[in-house]
């Protein structure tokens, strides 16, 4: 059973920054797509950012976070980061890490991942 663990969520003022982390002790973050998603109360889960951890390092970002958020891998092969700058109240949500693409190719910023973490709460107020 693959376990993804998110951390780094917090209460932050508008304009502030946070860095979220996703780790796993039993899943190698290499050569495959991974993503960050979020879900606010009363809203559907939406893709925030995704990256293919192969040599292309292809990334996708939701329009609402382009230029503010950056997805990147850690130097080890078991950490994925989401750097969030210029946070706004609309960014308030539970943020989830996802791994192991299970959808049709080409992959993209869609929720067709097999493994999901429990989430970390980000509140901008």
PDB file of N, CA and C in Angstrom:
ATOM      1  N   UNK A   1       0.845  -1.185   0.000  1.00  0.00           N
ATOM      2  CA  UNK A   1       0.000   0.000   0.000  1.00  0.00           C
ATOM      3  C   UNK A   1       0.877   1.231   0.000  1.00  0.00           C
ATOM      4  N   UNK A   2       0.734   2.070  -1.037  1.00  0.00           N
ATOM      5  CA  UNK A   2       1.533   3.275  -1.149  1.00  0.00           C
ATOM      6  C   UNK A   2       0.922   4.384  -0.311  1.00  0.00           C
ATOM      7  N   UNK A   3       1.758   5.035   0.470  1.00  0.00           N
ATOM      8  CA  UNK A   3       1.295   6.132   1.317  1.00  0.00           C
ATOM      9  C   UNK A   3       2.020   7.410   0.928  1.00  0.00           C
ATOM     10  N   UNK A   4       1.254   8.432   0.599  1.00  0.00           N
ATOM     11  CA  UNK A   4       1.785   9.761   0.331  1.00  0.00           C
ATOM     12  C   UNK A   4       1.423  10.659   1.506  1.00  0.00           C
ATOM     13  N   UNK A   5       2.386  11.446   1.958  1.00  0.00           N
ATOM     14  CA  UNK A   5       2.159  12.296   3.118  1.00  0.00           C
ATOM     15  C   UNK A   5       2.479  13.737   2.756  1.00  0.00           C
ATOM     16  N   UNK A   6       1.473  14.591   2.851  1.00  0.00           N
ATOM     17  CA  UNK A   6       1.670  16.012   2.599  1.00  0.00           C
ATOM     18  C   UNK A   6       1.936  16.758   3.899  1.00  0.00           C
ATOM     19  N   UNK A   7       2.667  17.848   3.790  1.00  0.00           N
ATOM     20  CA  UNK A   7       2.908  18.724   4.935  1.00  0.00           C
ATOM     21  C   UNK A   7       3.176  20.140   4.428  1.00  0.00           C
ATOM     22  N   UNK A   8       3.163  21.081   5.360  1.00  0.00           N
ATOM     23  CA  UNK A   8       3.486  22.458   5.016  1.00  0.00           C
ATOM     24  C   UNK A   8       2.299  23.394   4.974  1.00  0.00           C
ATOM     25  N   UNK A   9       1.097  22.869   5.076  1.00  0.00           N
ATOM     26  CA  UNK A   9      -0.064  23.736   5.082  1.00  0.00           C
ATOM     27  C   UNK A   9      -0.117  24.571   6.354  1.00  0.00           C
ATOM     28  N   UNK A  10      -0.727  25.753   6.237  1.00  0.00           N
ATOM     29  CA  UNK A  10      -0.762  26.667   7.389  1.00  0.00           C
ATOM     30  C   UNK A  10      -1.749  27.777   7.113  1.00  0.00           C
ATOM     31  N   UNK A  11      -1.932  28.617   8.118  1.00  0.00           N
ATOM     32  CA  UNK A  11      -2.702  29.854   7.969  1.00  0.00           C
ATOM     33  C   UNK A  11      -1.707  30.958   7.589  1.00  0.00           C
ATOM     34  N   UNK A  12      -2.010  31.665   6.508  1.00  0.00           N
ATOM     35  CA  UNK A  12      -1.085  32.693   6.031  1.00  0.00           C
ATOM     36  C   UNK A  12      -1.893  33.902   5.571  1.00  0.00           C
ATOM     37  N   UNK A  13      -1.284  35.057   5.656  1.00  0.00           N
ATOM     38  CA  UNK A  13      -1.934  36.301   5.212  1.00  0.00           C
ATOM     39  C   UNK A  13      -1.911  36.397   3.690  1.00  0.00           C
ATOM     40  N   UNK A  14      -2.860  37.098   3.108  1.00  0.00           N
ATOM     41  CA  UNK A  14      -2.798  37.337   1.654  1.00  0.00           C
ATOM     42  C   UNK A  14      -1.472  37.968   1.253  1.00  0.00           C
ATOM     43  N   UNK A  15      -0.918  37.477   0.172  1.00  0.00           N
ATOM     44  CA  UNK A  15       0.390  37.937  -0.269  1.00  0.00           C
ATOM     45  C   UNK A  15       1.539  37.108   0.265  1.00  0.00           C
ATOM     46  N   UNK A  16       1.243  36.231   1.202  1.00  0.00           N
ATOM     47  CA  UNK A  16       2.278  35.405   1.796  1.00  0.00           C
ATOM     48  C   UNK A  16       2.654  34.203   0.951  1.00  0.00           C
ATOM     49  N   UNK A  17       3.571  33.398   1.467  1.00  0.00           N
ATOM     50  CA  UNK A  17       4.073  32.227   0.753  1.00  0.00           C
ATOM     51  C   UNK A  17       4.058  30.999   1.659  1.00  0.00           C
ATOM     52  N   UNK A  18       3.958  29.856   1.014  1.00  0.00           N
ATOM     53  CA  UNK A  18       4.083  28.572   1.704  1.00  0.00           C
ATOM     54  C   UNK A  18       4.756  27.596   0.754  1.00  0.00           C
ATOM     55  N   UNK A  19       5.423  26.603   1.329  1.00  0.00           N
ATOM     56  CA  UNK A  19       5.943  25.512   0.517  1.00  0.00           C
ATOM     57  C   UNK A  19       5.371  24.204   1.054  1.00  0.00           C
ATOM     58  N   UNK A  20       4.636  23.519   0.212  1.00  0.00           N
ATOM     59  CA  UNK A  20       4.081  22.223   0.567  1.00  0.00           C
ATOM     60  C   UNK A  20       5.054  21.127   0.150  1.00  0.00           C
ATOM     61  N   UNK A  21       5.065  20.061   0.937  1.00  0.00           N
ATOM     62  CA  UNK A  21       5.913  18.910   0.632  1.00  0.00           C
ATOM     63  C   UNK A  21       5.059  17.650   0.576  1.00  0.00           C
ATOM     64  N   UNK A  22       5.474  16.738  -0.267  1.00  0.00           N
ATOM     65  CA  UNK A  22       4.831  15.419  -0.368  1.00  0.00           C
ATOM     66  C   UNK A  22       5.943  14.390  -0.314  1.00  0.00           C
ATOM     67  N   UNK A  23       5.828  13.456   0.584  1.00  0.00           N
ATOM     68  CA  UNK A  23       6.859  12.429   0.716  1.00  0.00           C
ATOM     69  C   UNK A  23       6.220  11.050   0.757  1.00  0.00           C
ATOM     70  N   UNK A  24       7.059  10.042   0.518  1.00  0.00           N
ATOM     71  CA  UNK A  24       6.623   8.662   0.638  1.00  0.00           C
ATOM     72  C   UNK A  24       7.822   7.804   0.975  1.00  0.00           C
ATOM     73  N   UNK A  25       7.622   6.858   1.831  1.00  0.00           N
ATOM     74  CA  UNK A  25       8.705   5.943   2.187  1.00  0.00           C
ATOM     75  C   UNK A  25       8.676   4.686   1.342  1.00  0.00           C
ATOM     76  N   UNK A  26       7.610   4.538   0.506  1.00  0.00           N
ATOM     77  CA  UNK A  26       7.483   3.303  -0.245  1.00  0.00           C
ATOM     78  C   UNK A  26       7.120   3.525  -1.709  1.00  0.00           C
ATOM     79  N   UNK A  27       7.376   4.735  -2.204  1.00  0.00           N
ATOM     80  CA  UNK A  27       7.084   5.030  -3.603  1.00  0.00           C
ATOM     81  C   UNK A  27       8.165   5.952  -4.129  1.00  0.00           C
ATOM     82  N   UNK A  28       8.808   5.545  -5.208  1.00  0.00           N
ATOM     83  CA  UNK A  28       9.879   6.360  -5.775  1.00  0.00           C
ATOM     84  C   UNK A  28       9.309   7.397  -6.725  1.00  0.00           C
ATOM     85  N   UNK A  29       9.619   8.661  -6.441  1.00  0.00           N
ATOM     86  CA  UNK A  29       9.146   9.759  -7.274  1.00  0.00           C
ATOM     87  C   UNK A  29      10.129   9.958  -8.430  1.00  0.00           C
ATOM     88  N   UNK A  30      10.054   9.106  -9.409  1.00  0.00           N
ATOM     89  CA  UNK A  30      11.000   9.230 -10.505  1.00  0.00           C
ATOM     90  C   UNK A  30      10.371   8.719 -11.784  1.00  0.00           C
ATOM     91  N   UNK A  31      10.648   9.450 -12.877  1.00  0.00           N
ATOM     92  CA  UNK A  31      10.274   8.996 -14.215  1.00  0.00           C
ATOM     93  C   UNK A  31       8.779   8.781 -14.393  1.00  0.00           C
ATOM     94  N   UNK A  32       7.986   9.571 -13.683  1.00  0.00           N
ATOM     95  CA  UNK A  32       6.545   9.408 -13.840  1.00  0.00           C
ATOM     96  C   UNK A  32       5.850  10.712 -13.456  1.00  0.00           C
ATOM     97  N   UNK A  33       4.622  10.915 -13.932  1.00  0.00           N
ATOM     98  CA  UNK A  33       3.905  12.137 -13.572  1.00  0.00           C
ATOM     99  C   UNK A  33       3.449  12.124 -12.117  1.00  0.00           C
ATOM    100  N   UNK A  34       3.449  13.295 -11.527  1.00  0.00           N
ATOM    101  CA  UNK A  34       2.886  13.505 -10.196  1.00  0.00           C
ATOM    102  C   UNK A  34       2.196  14.858 -10.200  1.00  0.00           C
ATOM    103  N   UNK A  35       1.299  15.035  -9.231  1.00  0.00           N
ATOM    104  CA  UNK A  35       0.555  16.280  -9.257  1.00  0.00           C
ATOM    105  C   UNK A  35       0.113  16.761  -7.887  1.00  0.00           C
ATOM    106  N   UNK A  36      -0.277  18.019  -7.865  1.00  0.00           N
ATOM    107  CA  UNK A  36      -0.905  18.641  -6.703  1.00  0.00           C
ATOM    108  C   UNK A  36      -2.317  19.071  -7.093  1.00  0.00           C
ATOM    109  N   UNK A  37      -3.260  18.752  -6.221  1.00  0.00           N
ATOM    110  CA  UNK A  37      -4.650  19.112  -6.427  1.00  0.00           C
ATOM    111  C   UNK A  37      -5.148  19.814  -5.174  1.00  0.00           C
ATOM    112  N   UNK A  38      -6.269  20.483  -5.286  1.00  0.00           N
ATOM    113  CA  UNK A  38      -6.842  21.121  -4.104  1.00  0.00           C
ATOM    114  C   UNK A  38      -8.356  21.044  -4.166  1.00  0.00           C
ATOM    115  N   UNK A  39      -8.949  21.123  -2.997  1.00  0.00           N
ATOM    116  CA  UNK A  39     -10.406  21.105  -2.903  1.00  0.00           C
ATOM    117  C   UNK A  39     -10.835  22.043  -1.792  1.00  0.00           C
ATOM    118  N   UNK A  40     -11.632  23.028  -2.164  1.00  0.00           N
ATOM    119  CA  UNK A  40     -12.190  23.964  -1.194  1.00  0.00           C
ATOM    120  C   UNK A  40     -13.573  23.468  -0.787  1.00  0.00           C
ATOM    121  N   UNK A  41     -14.062  23.868   0.383  1.00  0.00           N
ATOM    122  CA  UNK A  41     -15.380  23.433   0.835  1.00  0.00           C
ATOM    123  C   UNK A  41     -16.463  23.786  -0.186  1.00  0.00           C
ATOM    124  N   UNK A  42     -17.266  22.801  -0.523  1.00  0.00           N
ATOM    125  CA  UNK A  42     -18.356  23.030  -1.456  1.00  0.00           C
ATOM    126  C   UNK A  42     -17.955  23.077  -2.910  1.00  0.00           C
ATOM    127  N   UNK A  43     -16.674  22.822  -3.186  1.00  0.00           N
ATOM    128  CA  UNK A  43     -16.201  22.862  -4.571  1.00  0.00           C
ATOM    129  C   UNK A  43     -15.590  21.529  -4.960  1.00  0.00           C
ATOM    130  N   UNK A  44     -15.500  21.305  -6.270  1.00  0.00           N
ATOM    131  CA  UNK A  44     -14.886  20.083  -6.751  1.00  0.00           C
ATOM    132  C   UNK A  44     -13.362  20.155  -6.649  1.00  0.00           C
ATOM    133  N   UNK A  45     -12.757  18.986  -6.605  1.00  0.00           N
ATOM    134  CA  UNK A  45     -11.303  18.932  -6.595  1.00  0.00           C
ATOM    135  C   UNK A  45     -10.776  19.454  -7.926  1.00  0.00           C
ATOM    136  N   UNK A  46      -9.754  20.274  -7.872  1.00  0.00           N
ATOM    137  CA  UNK A  46      -9.190  20.834  -9.093  1.00  0.00           C
ATOM    138  C   UNK A  46      -7.677  20.637  -9.130  1.00  0.00           C
ATOM    139  N   UNK A  47      -7.161  20.474 -10.334  1.00  0.00           N
ATOM    140  CA  UNK A  47      -5.727  20.357 -10.508  1.00  0.00           C
ATOM    141  C   UNK A  47      -5.050  21.693 -10.331  1.00  0.00           C
ATOM    142  N   UNK A  48      -3.932  21.676  -9.629  1.00  0.00           N
ATOM    143  CA  UNK A  48      -3.164  22.890  -9.388  1.00  0.00           C
ATOM    144  C   UNK A  48      -1.898  22.885 -10.235  1.00  0.00           C
ATOM    145  N   UNK A  49      -1.139  21.802 -10.130  1.00  0.00           N
ATOM    146  CA  UNK A  49       0.120  21.697 -10.873  1.00  0.00           C
ATOM    147  C   UNK A  49       0.488  20.235 -11.002  1.00  0.00           C
ATOM    148  N   UNK A  50       1.165  19.907 -12.073  1.00  0.00           N
ATOM    149  CA  UNK A  50       1.622  18.541 -12.275  1.00  0.00           C
ATOM    150  C   UNK A  50       2.956  18.566 -12.998  1.00  0.00           C
ATOM    151  N   UNK A  51       3.721  17.511 -12.798  1.00  0.00           N
ATOM    152  CA  UNK A  51       5.052  17.443 -13.403  1.00  0.00           C
ATOM    153  C   UNK A  51       5.354  16.007 -13.779  1.00  0.00           C
ATOM    154  N   UNK A  52       6.033  15.829 -14.893  1.00  0.00           N
ATOM    155  CA  UNK A  52       6.525  14.516 -15.266  1.00  0.00           C
ATOM    156  C   UNK A  52       7.971  14.435 -14.804  1.00  0.00           C
ATOM    157  N   UNK A  53       8.271  13.523 -13.910  1.00  0.00           N
ATOM    158  CA  UNK A  53       9.594  13.452 -13.314  1.00  0.00           C
ATOM    159  C   UNK A  53      10.564  12.641 -14.177  1.00  0.00           C
ATOM    160  N   UNK A  54      10.330  12.662 -15.489  1.00  0.00           N
ATOM    161  CA  UNK A  54      11.290  12.071 -16.399  1.00  0.00           C
ATOM    162  C   UNK A  54      12.256  13.166 -16.855  1.00  0.00           C
ATOM    163  N   UNK A  55      13.029  12.911 -17.869  1.00  0.00           N
ATOM    164  CA  UNK A  55      14.046  13.876 -18.301  1.00  0.00           C
ATOM    165  C   UNK A  55      13.435  15.140 -18.896  1.00  0.00           C
ATOM    166  N   UNK A  56      12.169  15.082 -19.293  1.00  0.00           N
ATOM    167  CA  UNK A  56      11.553  16.281 -19.886  1.00  0.00           C
ATOM    168  C   UNK A  56      11.131  17.278 -18.817  1.00  0.00           C
ATOM    169  N   UNK A  57      10.794  16.783 -17.633  1.00  0.00           N
ATOM    170  CA  UNK A  57      10.291  17.639 -16.546  1.00  0.00           C
ATOM    171  C   UNK A  57       9.140  18.517 -17.023  1.00  0.00           C
ATOM    172  N   UNK A  58       8.292  17.959 -17.878  1.00  0.00           N
ATOM    173  CA  UNK A  58       7.125  18.709 -18.358  1.00  0.00           C
ATOM    174  C   UNK A  58       6.230  19.095 -17.196  1.00  0.00           C
ATOM    175  N   UNK A  59       5.757  20.334 -17.191  1.00  0.00           N
ATOM    176  CA  UNK A  59       4.878  20.798 -16.126  1.00  0.00           C
ATOM    177  C   UNK A  59       3.578  21.352 -16.692  1.00  0.00           C
ATOM    178  N   UNK A  60       2.545  21.278 -15.887  1.00  0.00           N
ATOM    179  CA  UNK A  60       1.253  21.873 -16.181  1.00  0.00           C
ATOM    180  C   UNK A  60       0.810  22.658 -14.949  1.00  0.00           C
ATOM    181  N   UNK A  61       0.204  23.800 -15.195  1.00  0.00           N
ATOM    182  CA  UNK A  61      -0.322  24.624 -14.108  1.00  0.00           C
ATOM    183  C   UNK A  61      -1.733  25.079 -14.437  1.00  0.00           C
ATOM    184  N   UNK A  62      -2.547  25.151 -13.418  1.00  0.00           N
ATOM    185  CA  UNK A  62      -3.857  25.773 -13.594  1.00  0.00           C
ATOM    186  C   UNK A  62      -3.647  27.257 -13.892  1.00  0.00           C
ATOM    187  N   UNK A  63      -4.519  27.829 -14.707  1.00  0.00           N
ATOM    188  CA  UNK A  63      -4.375  29.243 -15.057  1.00  0.00           C
ATOM    189  C   UNK A  63      -4.362  30.135 -13.814  1.00  0.00           C
ATOM    190  N   UNK A  64      -5.114  29.735 -12.816  1.00  0.00           N
ATOM    191  CA  UNK A  64      -5.250  30.572 -11.622  1.00  0.00           C
ATOM    192  C   UNK A  64      -3.975  30.656 -10.788  1.00  0.00           C
ATOM    193  N   UNK A  65      -3.016  29.751 -11.032  1.00  0.00           N
ATOM    194  CA  UNK A  65      -1.800  29.751 -10.216  1.00  0.00           C
ATOM    195  C   UNK A  65      -0.541  30.009 -11.030  1.00  0.00           C
ATOM    196  N   UNK A  66      -0.678  30.120 -12.336  1.00  0.00           N
ATOM    197  CA  UNK A  66       0.503  30.354 -13.180  1.00  0.00           C
ATOM    198  C   UNK A  66       1.229  31.615 -12.749  1.00  0.00           C
ATOM    199  N   UNK A  67       2.535  31.511 -12.640  1.00  0.00           N
ATOM    200  CA  UNK A  67       3.347  32.644 -12.235  1.00  0.00           C
ATOM    201  C   UNK A  67       3.452  32.808 -10.732  1.00  0.00           C
ATOM    202  N   UNK A  68       2.641  32.070  -9.975  1.00  0.00           N
ATOM    203  CA  UNK A  68       2.670  32.173  -8.510  1.00  0.00           C
ATOM    204  C   UNK A  68       3.130  30.870  -7.847  1.00  0.00           C
ATOM    205  N   UNK A  69       2.769  29.735  -8.430  1.00  0.00           N
ATOM    206  CA  UNK A  69       3.094  28.434  -7.861  1.00  0.00           C
ATOM    207  C   UNK A  69       4.144  27.751  -8.728  1.00  0.00           C
ATOM    208  N   UNK A  70       4.988  26.952  -8.073  1.00  0.00           N
ATOM    209  CA  UNK A  70       6.000  26.169  -8.782  1.00  0.00           C
ATOM    210  C   UNK A  70       6.050  24.764  -8.204  1.00  0.00           C
ATOM    211  N   UNK A  71       5.935  23.770  -9.080  1.00  0.00           N
ATOM    212  CA  UNK A  71       6.048  22.378  -8.670  1.00  0.00           C
ATOM    213  C   UNK A  71       7.462  21.904  -8.988  1.00  0.00           C
ATOM    214  N   UNK A  72       8.057  21.147  -8.084  1.00  0.00           N
ATOM    215  CA  UNK A  72       9.423  20.705  -8.321  1.00  0.00           C
ATOM    216  C   UNK A  72       9.721  19.469  -7.482  1.00  0.00           C
ATOM    217  N   UNK A  73      10.649  18.644  -7.940  1.00  0.00           N
ATOM    218  CA  UNK A  73      11.048  17.482  -7.151  1.00  0.00           C
ATOM    219  C   UNK A  73      12.145  17.840  -6.173  1.00  0.00           C
ATOM    220  N   UNK A  74      12.249  17.068  -5.110  1.00  0.00           N
ATOM    221  CA  UNK A  74      13.361  17.215  -4.197  1.00  0.00           C
ATOM    222  C   UNK A  74      14.603  16.554  -4.759  1.00  0.00           C
ATOM    223  N   UNK A  75      15.732  16.783  -4.103  1.00  0.00           N
ATOM    224  CA  UNK A  75      16.981  16.182  -4.550  1.00  0.00           C
ATOM    225  C   UNK A  75      16.989  14.671  -4.319  1.00  0.00           C
ATOM    226  N   UNK A  76      16.253  14.232  -3.318  1.00  0.00           N
ATOM    227  CA  UNK A  76      16.083  12.791  -3.153  1.00  0.00           C
ATOM    228  C   UNK A  76      15.011  12.362  -4.155  1.00  0.00           C
ATOM    229  N   UNK A  77      14.627  11.164  -4.167  1.00  0.00           N
ATOM    230  CA  UNK A  77      13.597  10.703  -5.100  1.00  0.00           C
ATOM    231  C   UNK A  77      12.297  10.379  -4.383  1.00  0.00           C
ATOM    232  N   UNK A  78      12.092  11.029  -3.247  1.00  0.00           N
ATOM    233  CA  UNK A  78      10.888  10.747  -2.479  1.00  0.00           C
ATOM    234  C   UNK A  78      10.193  12.008  -1.966  1.00  0.00           C
ATOM    235  N   UNK A  79      10.469  13.127  -2.611  1.00  0.00           N
ATOM    236  CA  UNK A  79       9.847  14.367  -2.180  1.00  0.00           C
ATOM    237  C   UNK A  79       9.384  15.175  -3.392  1.00  0.00           C
ATOM    238  N   UNK A  80       8.214  15.738  -3.278  1.00  0.00           N
ATOM    239  CA  UNK A  80       7.673  16.632  -4.290  1.00  0.00           C
ATOM    240  C   UNK A  80       7.245  17.906  -3.586  1.00  0.00           C
ATOM    241  N   UNK A  81       7.599  19.058  -4.162  1.00  0.00           N
ATOM    242  CA  UNK A  81       7.285  20.332  -3.543  1.00  0.00           C
ATOM    243  C   UNK A  81       6.276  21.124  -4.363  1.00  0.00           C
ATOM    244  N   UNK A  82       5.568  21.997  -3.665  1.00  0.00           N
ATOM    245  CA  UNK A  82       4.747  23.003  -4.324  1.00  0.00           C
ATOM    246  C   UNK A  82       5.034  24.322  -3.622  1.00  0.00           C
ATOM    247  N   UNK A  83       5.800  25.180  -4.286  1.00  0.00           N
ATOM    248  CA  UNK A  83       6.079  26.503  -3.754  1.00  0.00           C
ATOM    249  C   UNK A  83       4.945  27.429  -4.159  1.00  0.00           C
ATOM    250  N   UNK A  84       4.332  28.059  -3.178  1.00  0.00           N
ATOM    251  CA  UNK A  84       3.178  28.915  -3.433  1.00  0.00           C
ATOM    252  C   UNK A  84       3.497  30.331  -2.969  1.00  0.00           C
ATOM    253  N   UNK A  85       3.507  31.255  -3.889  1.00  0.00           N
ATOM    254  CA  UNK A  85       3.788  32.654  -3.584  1.00  0.00           C
ATOM    255  C   UNK A  85       2.560  33.512  -3.869  1.00  0.00           C
ATOM    256  N   UNK A  86       2.569  34.701  -3.323  1.00  0.00           N
ATOM    257  CA  UNK A  86       1.479  35.663  -3.517  1.00  0.00           C
ATOM    258  C   UNK A  86       0.129  34.990  -3.301  1.00  0.00           C
ATOM    259  N   UNK A  87      -0.014  34.323  -2.198  1.00  0.00           N
ATOM    260  CA  UNK A  87      -1.234  33.586  -1.904  1.00  0.00           C
ATOM    261  C   UNK A  87      -2.422  34.524  -1.748  1.00  0.00           C
ATOM    262  N   UNK A  88      -3.564  34.045  -2.194  1.00  0.00           N
ATOM    263  CA  UNK A  88      -4.798  34.819  -2.146  1.00  0.00           C
ATOM    264  C   UNK A  88      -5.862  34.020  -1.413  1.00  0.00           C
ATOM    265  N   UNK A  89      -6.888  34.690  -0.906  1.00  0.00           N
ATOM    266  CA  UNK A  89      -7.948  33.953  -0.200  1.00  0.00           C
ATOM    267  C   UNK A  89      -8.553  32.826  -1.041  1.00  0.00           C
ATOM    268  N   UNK A  90      -8.622  32.994  -2.360  1.00  0.00           N
ATOM    269  CA  UNK A  90      -9.173  31.935  -3.215  1.00  0.00           C
ATOM    270  C   UNK A  90      -8.297  30.695  -3.255  1.00  0.00           C
ATOM    271  N   UNK A  91      -7.084  30.778  -2.750  1.00  0.00           N
ATOM    272  CA  UNK A  91      -6.209  29.614  -2.695  1.00  0.00           C
ATOM    273  C   UNK A  91      -6.496  28.740  -1.478  1.00  0.00           C
ATOM    274  N   UNK A  92      -7.370  29.190  -0.611  1.00  0.00           N
ATOM    275  CA  UNK A  92      -7.733  28.421   0.575  1.00  0.00           C
ATOM    276  C   UNK A  92      -8.372  27.105   0.179  1.00  0.00           C
ATOM    277  N   UNK A  93      -7.784  26.005   0.636  1.00  0.00           N
ATOM    278  CA  UNK A  93      -8.283  24.677   0.268  1.00  0.00           C
ATOM    279  C   UNK A  93      -7.447  23.619   0.972  1.00  0.00           C
ATOM    280  N   UNK A  94      -7.927  22.388   0.888  1.00  0.00           N
ATOM    281  CA  UNK A  94      -7.108  21.239   1.261  1.00  0.00           C
ATOM    282  C   UNK A  94      -6.297  20.865   0.023  1.00  0.00           C
ATOM    283  N   UNK A  95      -5.004  20.718   0.193  1.00  0.00           N
ATOM    284  CA  UNK A  95      -4.115  20.404  -0.924  1.00  0.00           C
ATOM    285  C   UNK A  95      -3.671  18.946  -0.837  1.00  0.00           C
ATOM    286  N   UNK A  96      -3.746  18.259  -1.978  1.00  0.00           N
ATOM    287  CA  UNK A  96      -3.439  16.839  -2.046  1.00  0.00           C
ATOM    288  C   UNK A  96      -2.329  16.570  -3.053  1.00  0.00           C
ATOM    289  N   UNK A  97      -1.490  15.634  -2.696  1.00  0.00           N
ATOM    290  CA  UNK A  97      -0.453  15.133  -3.597  1.00  0.00           C
ATOM    291  C   UNK A  97      -0.993  13.864  -4.266  1.00  0.00           C
ATOM    292  N   UNK A  98      -0.640  13.661  -5.532  1.00  0.00           N
ATOM    293  CA  UNK A  98      -1.114  12.493  -6.258  1.00  0.00           C
ATOM    294  C   UNK A  98       0.007  11.887  -7.083  1.00  0.00           C
ATOM    295  N   UNK A  99      -0.028  10.560  -7.244  1.00  0.00           N
ATOM    296  CA  UNK A  99       1.027   9.852  -7.967  1.00  0.00           C
ATOM    297  C   UNK A  99       0.464   8.658  -8.721  1.00  0.00           C
ATOM    298  N   UNK A 100       1.234   8.188  -9.667  1.00  0.00           N
ATOM    299  CA  UNK A 100       0.925   7.019 -10.484  1.00  0.00           C
ATOM    300  C   UNK A 100      -0.240   7.276 -11.427  1.00  0.00           C
ATOM    301  N   UNK A 101       0.116   7.798 -12.606  1.00  0.00           N
ATOM    302  CA  UNK A 101      -0.900   8.134 -13.603  1.00  0.00           C
ATOM    303  C   UNK A 101      -1.645   6.883 -14.045  1.00  0.00           C
ATOM    304  N   UNK A 102      -2.981   6.970 -14.021  1.00  0.00           N
ATOM    305  CA  UNK A 102      -3.813   5.829 -14.399  1.00  0.00           C
ATOM    306  C   UNK A 102      -4.768   6.152 -15.538  1.00  0.00           C
ATOM    307  N   UNK A 103      -4.628   7.348 -16.090  1.00  0.00           N
ATOM    308  CA  UNK A 103      -5.541   7.765 -17.148  1.00  0.00           C
ATOM    309  C   UNK A 103      -4.972   7.511 -18.536  1.00  0.00           C
ATOM    310  N   UNK A 104      -5.699   8.004 -19.521  1.00  0.00           N
ATOM    311  CA  UNK A 104      -5.253   7.857 -20.895  1.00  0.00           C
ATOM    312  C   UNK A 104      -4.085   8.793 -21.158  1.00  0.00           C
ATOM    313  N   UNK A 105      -3.266   8.385 -22.112  1.00  0.00           N
ATOM    314  CA  UNK A 105      -2.165   9.238 -22.556  1.00  0.00           C
ATOM    315  C   UNK A 105      -2.665  10.119 -23.703  1.00  0.00           C
ATOM    316  N   UNK A 106      -2.165  11.346 -23.833  1.00  0.00           N
ATOM    317  CA  UNK A 106      -1.153  11.947 -22.975  1.00  0.00           C
ATOM    318  C   UNK A 106      -1.724  12.321 -21.612  1.00  0.00           C
ATOM    319  N   UNK A 107      -0.872  12.283 -20.599  1.00  0.00           N
ATOM    320  CA  UNK A 107      -1.307  12.640 -19.278  1.00  0.00           C
ATOM    321  C   UNK A 107      -1.469  14.153 -19.215  1.00  0.00           C
ATOM    322  N   UNK A 108      -2.114  14.606 -18.144  1.00  0.00           N
ATOM    323  CA  UNK A 108      -2.326  16.035 -18.006  1.00  0.00           C
ATOM    324  C   UNK A 108      -2.769  16.397 -16.612  1.00  0.00           C
ATOM    325  N   UNK A 109      -3.218  17.595 -16.440  1.00  0.00           N
ATOM    326  CA  UNK A 109      -3.635  18.077 -15.135  1.00  0.00           C
ATOM    327  C   UNK A 109      -5.068  17.599 -14.865  1.00  0.00           C
ATOM    328  N   UNK A 110      -5.193  16.300 -14.770  1.00  0.00           N
ATOM    329  CA  UNK A 110      -6.480  15.674 -14.495  1.00  0.00           C
ATOM    330  C   UNK A 110      -6.312  14.744 -13.306  1.00  0.00           C
ATOM    331  N   UNK A 111      -7.411  14.398 -12.669  1.00  0.00           N
ATOM    332  CA  UNK A 111      -7.344  13.631 -11.422  1.00  0.00           C
ATOM    333  C   UNK A 111      -7.251  12.128 -11.658  1.00  0.00           C
ATOM    334  N   UNK A 112      -6.631  11.707 -12.757  1.00  0.00           N
ATOM    335  CA  UNK A 112      -6.528  10.282 -13.073  1.00  0.00           C
ATOM    336  C   UNK A 112      -5.271   9.666 -12.487  1.00  0.00           C
ATOM    337  N   UNK A 113      -5.067   9.888 -11.199  1.00  0.00           N
ATOM    338  CA  UNK A 113      -3.938   9.311 -10.484  1.00  0.00           C
ATOM    339  C   UNK A 113      -4.435   8.222  -9.550  1.00  0.00           C
ATOM    340  N   UNK A 114      -3.560   7.259  -9.300  1.00  0.00           N
ATOM    341  CA  UNK A 114      -3.940   6.113  -8.469  1.00  0.00           C
ATOM    342  C   UNK A 114      -3.809   6.399  -6.983  1.00  0.00           C
ATOM    343  N   UNK A 115      -2.701   7.038  -6.597  1.00  0.00           N
ATOM    344  CA  UNK A 115      -2.400   7.214  -5.178  1.00  0.00           C
ATOM    345  C   UNK A 115      -2.583   8.670  -4.766  1.00  0.00           C
ATOM    346  N   UNK A 116      -3.194   8.860  -3.613  1.00  0.00           N
ATOM    347  CA  UNK A 116      -3.487  10.193  -3.088  1.00  0.00           C
ATOM    348  C   UNK A 116      -3.105  10.273  -1.621  1.00  0.00           C
ATOM    349  N   UNK A 117      -2.615  11.435  -1.214  1.00  0.00           N
ATOM    350  CA  UNK A 117      -2.354  11.659   0.192  1.00  0.00           C
ATOM    351  C   UNK A 117      -3.614  12.078   0.925  1.00  0.00           C
ATOM    352  N   UNK A 118      -3.456  12.324   2.220  1.00  0.00           N
ATOM    353  CA  UNK A 118      -4.597  12.721   3.050  1.00  0.00           C
ATOM    354  C   UNK A 118      -4.851  14.221   3.019  1.00  0.00           C
ATOM    355  N   UNK A 119      -3.898  14.968   2.510  1.00  0.00           N
ATOM    356  CA  UNK A 119      -4.091  16.399   2.349  1.00  0.00           C
ATOM    357  C   UNK A 119      -3.470  17.231   3.456  1.00  0.00           C
ATOM    358  N   UNK A 120      -3.191  18.480   3.112  1.00  0.00           N
ATOM    359  CA  UNK A 120      -2.702  19.468   4.080  1.00  0.00           C
ATOM    360  C   UNK A 120      -3.480  20.764   3.846  1.00  0.00           C
ATOM    361  N   UNK A 121      -3.942  21.378   4.931  1.00  0.00           N
ATOM    362  CA  UNK A 121      -4.831  22.533   4.807  1.00  0.00           C
ATOM    363  C   UNK A 121      -4.052  23.827   4.626  1.00  0.00           C
ATOM    364  N   UNK A 122      -4.435  24.574   3.621  1.00  0.00           N
ATOM    365  CA  UNK A 122      -3.898  25.918   3.396  1.00  0.00           C
ATOM    366  C   UNK A 122      -5.035  26.904   3.564  1.00  0.00           C
ATOM    367  N   UNK A 123      -4.848  27.862   4.457  1.00  0.00           N
ATOM    368  CA  UNK A 123      -5.860  28.894   4.691  1.00  0.00           C
ATOM    369  C   UNK A 123      -5.209  30.257   4.505  1.00  0.00           C
ATOM    370  N   UNK A 124      -5.773  31.052   3.624  1.00  0.00           N
ATOM    371  CA  UNK A 124      -5.254  32.398   3.354  1.00  0.00           C
ATOM    372  C   UNK A 124      -6.299  33.399   3.836  1.00  0.00           C
ATOM    373  N   UNK A 125      -5.955  34.116   4.886  1.00  0.00           N
ATOM    374  CA  UNK A 125      -6.937  35.039   5.470  1.00  0.00           C
ATOM    375  C   UNK A 125      -6.219  36.129   6.249  1.00  0.00           C
TER     376      UNK A 125
END
